[in-house]
Amino acid sequence: MLGSSFRREKKSAFTAARTSTAEKVCVPKELYSDFFRLGLRPGAPLTACKSAQRDLLKVHHPDRHAETYLSWKSATEIASSINASFQRISYWYKTGILD
């Protein structure tokens, strides 16, 4: 009983984005698929996007799937799409312009 009230759970990027107290951001429809690729709702804070990108790359990094050429190639494509989505979101948050 005593330990349970002081225990802290690590929040995932999705939970952190859902419970964020930041103001709502009007996200362009072109970025919706990028947010969804990271597993987040459109308008999630940039820190949540970075955290989600890192978590996804830990799973889909090509070095972790080097058993066969096909699995490596598939992981490379997934990792590059994750990175591209994060880059578009990051650029938009920093400049306000879609690339």
PDB file of N, CA and C in Angstrom:
ATOM      1  N   MET A   1       0.831  -1.189   0.000  1.00  0.00           N
ATOM      2  CA  MET A   1       0.000   0.000   0.000  1.00  0.00           C
ATOM      3  C   MET A   1       0.870   1.244   0.000  1.00  0.00           C
ATOM      4  N   LEU A   2       1.893   1.254   0.837  1.00  0.00           N
ATOM      5  CA  LEU A   2       2.724   2.432   0.930  1.00  0.00           C
ATOM      6  C   LEU A   2       3.484   2.681  -0.374  1.00  0.00           C
ATOM      7  N   GLY A   3       4.035   1.626  -0.967  1.00  0.00           N
ATOM      8  CA  GLY A   3       4.818   1.778  -2.186  1.00  0.00           C
ATOM      9  C   GLY A   3       3.967   2.121  -3.391  1.00  0.00           C
ATOM     10  N   SER A   4       2.708   1.688  -3.415  1.00  0.00           N
ATOM     11  CA  SER A   4       1.887   1.902  -4.600  1.00  0.00           C
ATOM     12  C   SER A   4       1.523   3.368  -4.804  1.00  0.00           C
ATOM     13  N   SER A   5       1.416   4.140  -3.737  1.00  0.00           N
ATOM     14  CA  SER A   5       1.040   5.541  -3.902  1.00  0.00           C
ATOM     15  C   SER A   5       2.210   6.387  -4.393  1.00  0.00           C
ATOM     16  N   PHE A   6       3.429   5.905  -4.229  1.00  0.00           N
ATOM     17  CA  PHE A   6       4.600   6.660  -4.647  1.00  0.00           C
ATOM     18  C   PHE A   6       5.191   6.153  -5.955  1.00  0.00           C
ATOM     19  N   ARG A   7       4.633   5.108  -6.488  1.00  0.00           N
ATOM     20  CA  ARG A   7       5.143   4.526  -7.715  1.00  0.00           C
ATOM     21  C   ARG A   7       4.760   5.409  -8.901  1.00  0.00           C
ATOM     22  N   ARG A   8       5.718   5.670  -9.742  1.00  0.00           N
ATOM     23  CA  ARG A   8       5.460   6.461 -10.936  1.00  0.00           C
ATOM     24  C   ARG A   8       5.613   5.567 -12.150  1.00  0.00           C
ATOM     25  N   GLU A   9       4.703   5.726 -13.068  1.00  0.00           N
ATOM     26  CA  GLU A   9       4.767   4.959 -14.295  1.00  0.00           C
ATOM     27  C   GLU A   9       5.323   5.836 -15.398  1.00  0.00           C
ATOM     28  N   LYS A  10       6.126   5.233 -16.268  1.00  0.00           N
ATOM     29  CA  LYS A  10       6.653   5.961 -17.407  1.00  0.00           C
ATOM     30  C   LYS A  10       5.533   6.140 -18.421  1.00  0.00           C
ATOM     31  N   LYS A  11       5.338   7.368 -18.859  1.00  0.00           N
ATOM     32  CA  LYS A  11       4.283   7.644 -19.826  1.00  0.00           C
ATOM     33  C   LYS A  11       4.797   7.398 -21.233  1.00  0.00           C
ATOM     34  N   SER A  12       3.976   6.797 -22.036  1.00  0.00           N
ATOM     35  CA  SER A  12       4.333   6.632 -23.441  1.00  0.00           C
ATOM     36  C   SER A  12       4.114   7.960 -24.150  1.00  0.00           C
ATOM     37  N   ALA A  13       4.601   8.049 -25.373  1.00  0.00           N
ATOM     38  CA  ALA A  13       4.443   9.283 -26.139  1.00  0.00           C
ATOM     39  C   ALA A  13       2.964   9.572 -26.388  1.00  0.00           C
ATOM     40  N   PHE A  14       2.181   8.520 -26.631  1.00  0.00           N
ATOM     41  CA  PHE A  14       0.755   8.715 -26.881  1.00  0.00           C
ATOM     42  C   PHE A  14       0.061   9.258 -25.646  1.00  0.00           C
ATOM     43  N   THR A  15       0.359   8.700 -24.465  1.00  0.00           N
ATOM     44  CA  THR A  15      -0.259   9.165 -23.223  1.00  0.00           C
ATOM     45  C   THR A  15       0.163  10.598 -22.927  1.00  0.00           C
ATOM     46  N   ALA A  16       1.435  10.895 -23.147  1.00  0.00           N
ATOM     47  CA  ALA A  16       1.910  12.253 -22.893  1.00  0.00           C
ATOM     48  C   ALA A  16       1.224  13.239 -23.827  1.00  0.00           C
ATOM     49  N   ALA A  17       1.000  12.843 -25.067  1.00  0.00           N
ATOM     50  CA  ALA A  17       0.334  13.731 -26.013  1.00  0.00           C
ATOM     51  C   ALA A  17      -1.131  13.933 -25.646  1.00  0.00           C
ATOM     52  N   ARG A  18      -1.777  12.878 -25.165  1.00  0.00           N
ATOM     53  CA  ARG A  18      -3.185  12.979 -24.790  1.00  0.00           C
ATOM     54  C   ARG A  18      -3.390  13.850 -23.581  1.00  0.00           C
ATOM     55  N   THR A  19      -2.465  13.793 -22.617  1.00  0.00           N
ATOM     56  CA  THR A  19      -2.648  14.517 -21.366  1.00  0.00           C
ATOM     57  C   THR A  19      -1.906  15.848 -21.346  1.00  0.00           C
ATOM     58  N   SER A  20      -1.397  16.266 -22.503  1.00  0.00           N
ATOM     59  CA  SER A  20      -0.649  17.518 -22.571  1.00  0.00           C
ATOM     60  C   SER A  20      -1.565  18.696 -22.285  1.00  0.00           C
ATOM     61  N   THR A  21      -1.028  19.667 -21.569  1.00  0.00           N
ATOM     62  CA  THR A  21      -1.801  20.867 -21.259  1.00  0.00           C
ATOM     63  C   THR A  21      -1.477  21.989 -22.235  1.00  0.00           C
ATOM     64  N   ALA A  22      -0.687  21.687 -23.263  1.00  0.00           N
ATOM     65  CA  ALA A  22      -0.341  22.707 -24.250  1.00  0.00           C
ATOM     66  C   ALA A  22      -1.588  23.117 -25.021  1.00  0.00           C
ATOM     67  N   GLU A  23      -1.541  24.321 -25.554  1.00  0.00           N
ATOM     68  CA  GLU A  23      -2.689  24.811 -26.306  1.00  0.00           C
ATOM     69  C   GLU A  23      -2.856  24.016 -27.596  1.00  0.00           C
ATOM     70  N   LYS A  24      -4.061  23.985 -28.088  1.00  0.00           N
ATOM     71  CA  LYS A  24      -4.365  23.243 -29.315  1.00  0.00           C
ATOM     72  C   LYS A  24      -3.716  23.931 -30.504  1.00  0.00           C
ATOM     73  N   VAL A  25      -3.195  23.109 -31.401  1.00  0.00           N
ATOM     74  CA  VAL A  25      -2.525  23.613 -32.586  1.00  0.00           C
ATOM     75  C   VAL A  25      -3.345  23.204 -33.799  1.00  0.00           C
ATOM     76  N   CYS A  26      -3.535  24.123 -34.733  1.00  0.00           N
ATOM     77  CA  CYS A  26      -4.253  23.829 -35.961  1.00  0.00           C
ATOM     78  C   CYS A  26      -3.273  23.194 -36.945  1.00  0.00           C
ATOM     79  N   VAL A  27      -3.399  21.902 -37.131  1.00  0.00           N
ATOM     80  CA  VAL A  27      -2.468  21.142 -37.960  1.00  0.00           C
ATOM     81  C   VAL A  27      -3.013  21.040 -39.377  1.00  0.00           C
ATOM     82  N   PRO A  28      -2.168  21.280 -40.385  1.00  0.00           N
ATOM     83  CA  PRO A  28      -2.608  21.104 -41.771  1.00  0.00           C
ATOM     84  C   PRO A  28      -2.939  19.640 -42.051  1.00  0.00           C
ATOM     85  N   LYS A  29      -3.925  19.422 -42.877  1.00  0.00           N
ATOM     86  CA  LYS A  29      -4.359  18.058 -43.197  1.00  0.00           C
ATOM     87  C   LYS A  29      -3.252  17.228 -43.832  1.00  0.00           C
ATOM     88  N   GLU A  30      -2.288  17.879 -44.489  1.00  0.00           N
ATOM     89  CA  GLU A  30      -1.194  17.158 -45.130  1.00  0.00           C
ATOM     90  C   GLU A  30      -0.307  16.435 -44.122  1.00  0.00           C
ATOM     91  N   LEU A  31      -0.317  16.887 -42.862  1.00  0.00           N
ATOM     92  CA  LEU A  31       0.528  16.274 -41.836  1.00  0.00           C
ATOM     93  C   LEU A  31      -0.189  15.199 -41.027  1.00  0.00           C
ATOM     94  N   TYR A  32      -1.481  15.004 -41.244  1.00  0.00           N
ATOM     95  CA  TYR A  32      -2.222  14.013 -40.469  1.00  0.00           C
ATOM     96  C   TYR A  32      -1.599  12.625 -40.599  1.00  0.00           C
ATOM     97  N   SER A  33      -1.270  12.222 -41.823  1.00  0.00           N
ATOM     98  CA  SER A  33      -0.711  10.882 -42.021  1.00  0.00           C
ATOM     99  C   SER A  33       0.646  10.753 -41.329  1.00  0.00           C
ATOM    100  N   ASP A  34       1.403  11.842 -41.250  1.00  0.00           N
ATOM    101  CA  ASP A  34       2.691  11.799 -40.560  1.00  0.00           C
ATOM    102  C   ASP A  34       2.511  11.595 -39.058  1.00  0.00           C
ATOM    103  N   PHE A  35       1.545  12.288 -38.475  1.00  0.00           N
ATOM    104  CA  PHE A  35       1.267  12.085 -37.054  1.00  0.00           C
ATOM    105  C   PHE A  35       0.782  10.660 -36.799  1.00  0.00           C
ATOM    106  N   PHE A  36      -0.092  10.154 -37.673  1.00  0.00           N
ATOM    107  CA  PHE A  36      -0.606   8.801 -37.498  1.00  0.00           C
ATOM    108  C   PHE A  36       0.499   7.766 -37.671  1.00  0.00           C
ATOM    109  N   ARG A  37       1.458   8.015 -38.571  1.00  0.00           N
ATOM    110  CA  ARG A  37       2.574   7.092 -38.764  1.00  0.00           C
ATOM    111  C   ARG A  37       3.399   6.983 -37.487  1.00  0.00           C
ATOM    112  N   LEU A  38       3.472   8.077 -36.723  1.00  0.00           N
ATOM    113  CA  LEU A  38       4.187   8.050 -35.451  1.00  0.00           C
ATOM    114  C   LEU A  38       3.308   7.533 -34.314  1.00  0.00           C
ATOM    115  N   GLY A  39       2.046   7.273 -34.609  1.00  0.00           N
ATOM    116  CA  GLY A  39       1.138   6.759 -33.581  1.00  0.00           C
ATOM    117  C   GLY A  39       0.590   7.829 -32.674  1.00  0.00           C
ATOM    118  N   LEU A  40       0.514   9.059 -33.168  1.00  0.00           N
ATOM    119  CA  LEU A  40       0.056  10.184 -32.356  1.00  0.00           C
ATOM    120  C   LEU A  40      -1.140  10.863 -32.998  1.00  0.00           C
ATOM    121  N   ARG A  41      -1.851  11.614 -32.193  1.00  0.00           N
ATOM    122  CA  ARG A  41      -2.940  12.432 -32.712  1.00  0.00           C
ATOM    123  C   ARG A  41      -2.365  13.696 -33.323  1.00  0.00           C
ATOM    124  N   PRO A  42      -2.992  14.218 -34.360  1.00  0.00           N
ATOM    125  CA  PRO A  42      -2.501  15.474 -34.940  1.00  0.00           C
ATOM    126  C   PRO A  42      -2.498  16.589 -33.900  1.00  0.00           C
ATOM    127  N   GLY A  43      -1.404  17.325 -33.852  1.00  0.00           N
ATOM    128  CA  GLY A  43      -1.265  18.405 -32.887  1.00  0.00           C
ATOM    129  C   GLY A  43      -0.493  18.016 -31.649  1.00  0.00           C
ATOM    130  N   ALA A  44       0.018  16.792 -31.601  1.00  0.00           N
ATOM    131  CA  ALA A  44       0.826  16.367 -30.448  1.00  0.00           C
ATOM    132  C   ALA A  44       2.071  17.239 -30.367  1.00  0.00           C
ATOM    133  N   PRO A  45       2.568  17.500 -29.169  1.00  0.00           N
ATOM    134  CA  PRO A  45       3.756  18.347 -29.038  1.00  0.00           C
ATOM    135  C   PRO A  45       4.979  17.715 -29.719  1.00  0.00           C
ATOM    136  N   LEU A  46       5.927  18.556 -30.062  1.00  0.00           N
ATOM    137  CA  LEU A  46       7.125  18.088 -30.749  1.00  0.00           C
ATOM    138  C   LEU A  46       7.920  17.111 -29.885  1.00  0.00           C
ATOM    139  N   THR A  47       7.919  17.304 -28.576  1.00  0.00           N
ATOM    140  CA  THR A  47       8.643  16.378 -27.701  1.00  0.00           C
ATOM    141  C   THR A  47       8.017  14.989 -27.739  1.00  0.00           C
ATOM    142  N   ALA A  48       6.696  14.926 -27.831  1.00  0.00           N
ATOM    143  CA  ALA A  48       6.021  13.635 -27.940  1.00  0.00           C
ATOM    144  C   ALA A  48       6.326  12.987 -29.282  1.00  0.00           C
ATOM    145  N   CYS A  49       6.450  13.788 -30.326  1.00  0.00           N
ATOM    146  CA  CYS A  49       6.793  13.263 -31.649  1.00  0.00           C
ATOM    147  C   CYS A  49       8.196  12.677 -31.641  1.00  0.00           C
ATOM    148  N   LYS A  50       9.125  13.355 -31.010  1.00  0.00           N
ATOM    149  CA  LYS A  50      10.499  12.864 -30.935  1.00  0.00           C
ATOM    150  C   LYS A  50      10.558  11.560 -30.139  1.00  0.00           C
ATOM    151  N   SER A  51       9.833  11.511 -29.055  1.00  0.00           N
ATOM    152  CA  SER A  51       9.799  10.303 -28.238  1.00  0.00           C
ATOM    153  C   SER A  51       9.189   9.129 -29.010  1.00  0.00           C
ATOM    154  N   ALA A  52       8.118   9.402 -29.743  1.00  0.00           N
ATOM    155  CA  ALA A  52       7.486   8.357 -30.537  1.00  0.00           C
ATOM    156  C   ALA A  52       8.417   7.878 -31.647  1.00  0.00           C
ATOM    157  N   GLN A  53       9.148   8.805 -32.267  1.00  0.00           N
ATOM    158  CA  GLN A  53      10.098   8.422 -33.309  1.00  0.00           C
ATOM    159  C   GLN A  53      11.176   7.509 -32.746  1.00  0.00           C
ATOM    160  N   ARG A  54      11.717   7.851 -31.607  1.00  0.00           N
ATOM    161  CA  ARG A  54      12.757   7.019 -30.991  1.00  0.00           C
ATOM    162  C   ARG A  54      12.227   5.633 -30.637  1.00  0.00           C
ATOM    163  N   ASP A  55      11.019   5.591 -30.070  1.00  0.00           N
ATOM    164  CA  ASP A  55      10.434   4.299 -29.703  1.00  0.00           C
ATOM    165  C   ASP A  55      10.203   3.424 -30.929  1.00  0.00           C
ATOM    166  N   LEU A  56       9.712   4.018 -32.011  1.00  0.00           N
ATOM    167  CA  LEU A  56       9.470   3.241 -33.226  1.00  0.00           C
ATOM    168  C   LEU A  56      10.768   2.780 -33.877  1.00  0.00           C
ATOM    169  N   LEU A  57      11.800   3.625 -33.835  1.00  0.00           N
ATOM    170  CA  LEU A  57      13.070   3.228 -34.427  1.00  0.00           C
ATOM    171  C   LEU A  57      13.772   2.132 -33.634  1.00  0.00           C
ATOM    172  N   LYS A  58      13.499   2.069 -32.343  1.00  0.00           N
ATOM    173  CA  LYS A  58      14.052   0.965 -31.555  1.00  0.00           C
ATOM    174  C   LYS A  58      13.504  -0.372 -32.030  1.00  0.00           C
ATOM    175  N   VAL A  59      12.282  -0.375 -32.500  1.00  0.00           N
ATOM    176  CA  VAL A  59      11.645  -1.603 -32.983  1.00  0.00           C
ATOM    177  C   VAL A  59      11.991  -1.879 -34.444  1.00  0.00           C
ATOM    178  N   HIS A  60      11.985  -0.842 -35.279  1.00  0.00           N
ATOM    179  CA  HIS A  60      12.088  -1.022 -36.727  1.00  0.00           C
ATOM    180  C   HIS A  60      13.448  -0.663 -37.306  1.00  0.00           C
ATOM    181  N   HIS A  61      14.471  -0.527 -36.501  1.00  0.00           N
ATOM    182  CA  HIS A  61      15.775  -0.169 -37.026  1.00  0.00           C
ATOM    183  C   HIS A  61      16.321  -1.314 -37.884  1.00  0.00           C
ATOM    184  N   PRO A  62      16.900  -1.016 -39.044  1.00  0.00           N
ATOM    185  CA  PRO A  62      17.384  -2.061 -39.953  1.00  0.00           C
ATOM    186  C   PRO A  62      18.449  -2.980 -39.337  1.00  0.00           C
ATOM    187  N   ASP A  63      19.256  -2.471 -38.418  1.00  0.00           N
ATOM    188  CA  ASP A  63      20.273  -3.314 -37.788  1.00  0.00           C
ATOM    189  C   ASP A  63      19.662  -4.439 -36.960  1.00  0.00           C
ATOM    190  N   ARG A  64      18.449  -4.240 -36.489  1.00  0.00           N
ATOM    191  CA  ARG A  64      17.780  -5.280 -35.702  1.00  0.00           C
ATOM    192  C   ARG A  64      17.147  -6.348 -36.591  1.00  0.00           C
ATOM    193  N   HIS A  65      17.063  -6.088 -37.888  1.00  0.00           N
ATOM    194  CA  HIS A  65      16.412  -7.013 -38.821  1.00  0.00           C
ATOM    195  C   HIS A  65      17.366  -7.393 -39.949  1.00  0.00           C
ATOM    196  N   ALA A  66      18.572  -7.763 -39.597  1.00  0.00           N
ATOM    197  CA  ALA A  66      19.590  -8.056 -40.608  1.00  0.00           C
ATOM    198  C   ALA A  66      19.688  -9.551 -40.929  1.00  0.00           C
ATOM    199  N   GLU A  67      18.698 -10.357 -40.521  1.00  0.00           N
ATOM    200  CA  GLU A  67      18.763 -11.794 -40.760  1.00  0.00           C
ATOM    201  C   GLU A  67      18.716 -12.105 -42.254  1.00  0.00           C
ATOM    202  N   THR A  68      17.767 -11.514 -42.948  1.00  0.00           N
ATOM    203  CA  THR A  68      17.639 -11.727 -44.387  1.00  0.00           C
ATOM    204  C   THR A  68      17.592 -10.375 -45.082  1.00  0.00           C
ATOM    205  N   TYR A  69      17.857 -10.411 -46.356  1.00  0.00           N
ATOM    206  CA  TYR A  69      17.856  -9.172 -47.130  1.00  0.00           C
ATOM    207  C   TYR A  69      16.462  -8.554 -47.172  1.00  0.00           C
ATOM    208  N   LEU A  70      15.435  -9.387 -47.305  1.00  0.00           N
ATOM    209  CA  LEU A  70      14.066  -8.851 -47.396  1.00  0.00           C
ATOM    210  C   LEU A  70      13.622  -8.184 -46.100  1.00  0.00           C
ATOM    211  N   SER A  71      13.942  -8.785 -44.964  1.00  0.00           N
ATOM    212  CA  SER A  71      13.547  -8.165 -43.697  1.00  0.00           C
ATOM    213  C   SER A  71      14.335  -6.882 -43.455  1.00  0.00           C
ATOM    214  N   TRP A  72      15.615  -6.879 -43.868  1.00  0.00           N
ATOM    215  CA  TRP A  72      16.419  -5.671 -43.730  1.00  0.00           C
ATOM    216  C   TRP A  72      15.882  -4.551 -44.618  1.00  0.00           C
ATOM    217  N   LYS A  73      15.531  -4.899 -45.850  1.00  0.00           N
ATOM    218  CA  LYS A  73      15.011  -3.896 -46.782  1.00  0.00           C
ATOM    219  C   LYS A  73      13.677  -3.340 -46.302  1.00  0.00           C
ATOM    220  N   SER A  74      12.810  -4.196 -45.796  1.00  0.00           N
ATOM    221  CA  SER A  74      11.522  -3.757 -45.271  1.00  0.00           C
ATOM    222  C   SER A  74      11.713  -2.820 -44.077  1.00  0.00           C
ATOM    223  N   ALA A  75      12.613  -3.189 -43.161  1.00  0.00           N
ATOM    224  CA  ALA A  75      12.884  -2.351 -41.993  1.00  0.00           C
ATOM    225  C   ALA A  75      13.489  -1.014 -42.411  1.00  0.00           C
ATOM    226  N   THR A  76      14.306  -1.017 -43.448  1.00  0.00           N
ATOM    227  CA  THR A  76      14.897   0.222 -43.947  1.00  0.00           C
ATOM    228  C   THR A  76      13.824   1.159 -44.481  1.00  0.00           C
ATOM    229  N   GLU A  77      12.872   0.614 -45.219  1.00  0.00           N
ATOM    230  CA  GLU A  77      11.785   1.432 -45.757  1.00  0.00           C
ATOM    231  C   GLU A  77      10.908   1.999 -44.643  1.00  0.00           C
ATOM    232  N   ILE A  78      10.616   1.175 -43.649  1.00  0.00           N
ATOM    233  CA  ILE A  78       9.796   1.633 -42.526  1.00  0.00           C
ATOM    234  C   ILE A  78      10.526   2.714 -41.743  1.00  0.00           C
ATOM    235  N   ALA A  79      11.805   2.489 -41.458  1.00  0.00           N
ATOM    236  CA  ALA A  79      12.592   3.471 -40.698  1.00  0.00           C
ATOM    237  C   ALA A  79      12.714   4.788 -41.456  1.00  0.00           C
ATOM    238  N   SER A  80      12.885   4.712 -42.764  1.00  0.00           N
ATOM    239  CA  SER A  80      12.997   5.958 -43.524  1.00  0.00           C
ATOM    240  C   SER A  80      11.669   6.706 -43.567  1.00  0.00           C
ATOM    241  N   SER A  81      10.545   5.991 -43.602  1.00  0.00           N
ATOM    242  CA  SER A  81       9.251   6.677 -43.572  1.00  0.00           C
ATOM    243  C   SER A  81       8.989   7.310 -42.203  1.00  0.00           C
ATOM    244  N   ILE A  82       9.431   6.651 -41.144  1.00  0.00           N
ATOM    245  CA  ILE A  82       9.299   7.222 -39.793  1.00  0.00           C
ATOM    246  C   ILE A  82      10.129   8.500 -39.691  1.00  0.00           C
ATOM    247  N   ASN A  83      11.370   8.433 -40.163  1.00  0.00           N
ATOM    248  CA  ASN A  83      12.247   9.606 -40.111  1.00  0.00           C
ATOM    249  C   ASN A  83      11.717  10.743 -40.979  1.00  0.00           C
ATOM    250  N   ALA A  84      11.205  10.430 -42.149  1.00  0.00           N
ATOM    251  CA  ALA A  84      10.664  11.463 -43.037  1.00  0.00           C
ATOM    252  C   ALA A  84       9.446  12.138 -42.407  1.00  0.00           C
ATOM    253  N   SER A  85       8.587  11.346 -41.781  1.00  0.00           N
ATOM    254  CA  SER A  85       7.409  11.918 -41.113  1.00  0.00           C
ATOM    255  C   SER A  85       7.830  12.852 -39.992  1.00  0.00           C
ATOM    256  N   PHE A  86       8.791  12.413 -39.182  1.00  0.00           N
ATOM    257  CA  PHE A  86       9.250  13.264 -38.092  1.00  0.00           C
ATOM    258  C   PHE A  86       9.894  14.536 -38.628  1.00  0.00           C
ATOM    259  N   GLN A  87      10.664  14.428 -39.708  1.00  0.00           N
ATOM    260  CA  GLN A  87      11.306  15.611 -40.276  1.00  0.00           C
ATOM    261  C   GLN A  87      10.280  16.623 -40.771  1.00  0.00           C
ATOM    262  N   ARG A  88       9.210  16.143 -41.430  1.00  0.00           N
ATOM    263  CA  ARG A  88       8.160  17.058 -41.904  1.00  0.00           C
ATOM    264  C   ARG A  88       7.463  17.748 -40.737  1.00  0.00           C
ATOM    265  N   ILE A  89       7.144  16.972 -39.695  1.00  0.00           N
ATOM    266  CA  ILE A  89       6.478  17.552 -38.517  1.00  0.00           C
ATOM    267  C   ILE A  89       7.396  18.553 -37.833  1.00  0.00           C
ATOM    268  N   SER A  90       8.650  18.186 -37.653  1.00  0.00           N
ATOM    269  CA  SER A  90       9.612  19.058 -36.989  1.00  0.00           C
ATOM    270  C   SER A  90       9.804  20.349 -37.769  1.00  0.00           C
ATOM    271  N   TYR A  91       9.935  20.257 -39.083  1.00  0.00           N
ATOM    272  CA  TYR A  91      10.103  21.448 -39.921  1.00  0.00           C
ATOM    273  C   TYR A  91       8.878  22.351 -39.821  1.00  0.00           C
ATOM    274  N   TRP A  92       7.694  21.748 -39.807  1.00  0.00           N
ATOM    275  CA  TRP A  92       6.475  22.544 -39.708  1.00  0.00           C
ATOM    276  C   TRP A  92       6.379  23.241 -38.346  1.00  0.00           C
ATOM    277  N   TYR A  93       6.726  22.526 -37.262  1.00  0.00           N
ATOM    278  CA  TYR A  93       6.674  23.156 -35.947  1.00  0.00           C
ATOM    279  C   TYR A  93       7.670  24.308 -35.839  1.00  0.00           C
ATOM    280  N   LYS A  94       8.842  24.147 -36.457  1.00  0.00           N
ATOM    281  CA  LYS A  94       9.876  25.174 -36.328  1.00  0.00           C
ATOM    282  C   LYS A  94       9.647  26.383 -37.228  1.00  0.00           C
ATOM    283  N   THR A  95       9.086  26.145 -38.439  1.00  0.00           N
ATOM    284  CA  THR A  95       8.953  27.250 -39.384  1.00  0.00           C
ATOM    285  C   THR A  95       7.508  27.641 -39.665  1.00  0.00           C
ATOM    286  N   GLY A  96       6.576  26.726 -39.463  1.00  0.00           N
ATOM    287  CA  GLY A  96       5.184  26.997 -39.807  1.00  0.00           C
ATOM    288  C   GLY A  96       4.884  26.814 -41.270  1.00  0.00           C
ATOM    289  N   ILE A  97       5.860  26.250 -42.007  1.00  0.00           N
ATOM    290  CA  ILE A  97       5.718  26.058 -43.454  1.00  0.00           C
ATOM    291  C   ILE A  97       5.797  24.577 -43.769  1.00  0.00           C
ATOM    292  N   LEU A  98       4.928  24.134 -44.683  1.00  0.00           N
ATOM    293  CA  LEU A  98       5.016  22.755 -45.163  1.00  0.00           C
ATOM    294  C   LEU A  98       6.097  22.687 -46.220  1.00  0.00           C
ATOM    295  N   ASP A  99       6.854  21.604 -46.220  1.00  0.00           N
ATOM    296  CA  ASP A  99       7.912  21.484 -47.242  1.00  0.00           C
ATOM    297  C   ASP A  99       7.400  20.961 -48.537  1.00  0.00           C
TER     298      ASP A  99
END
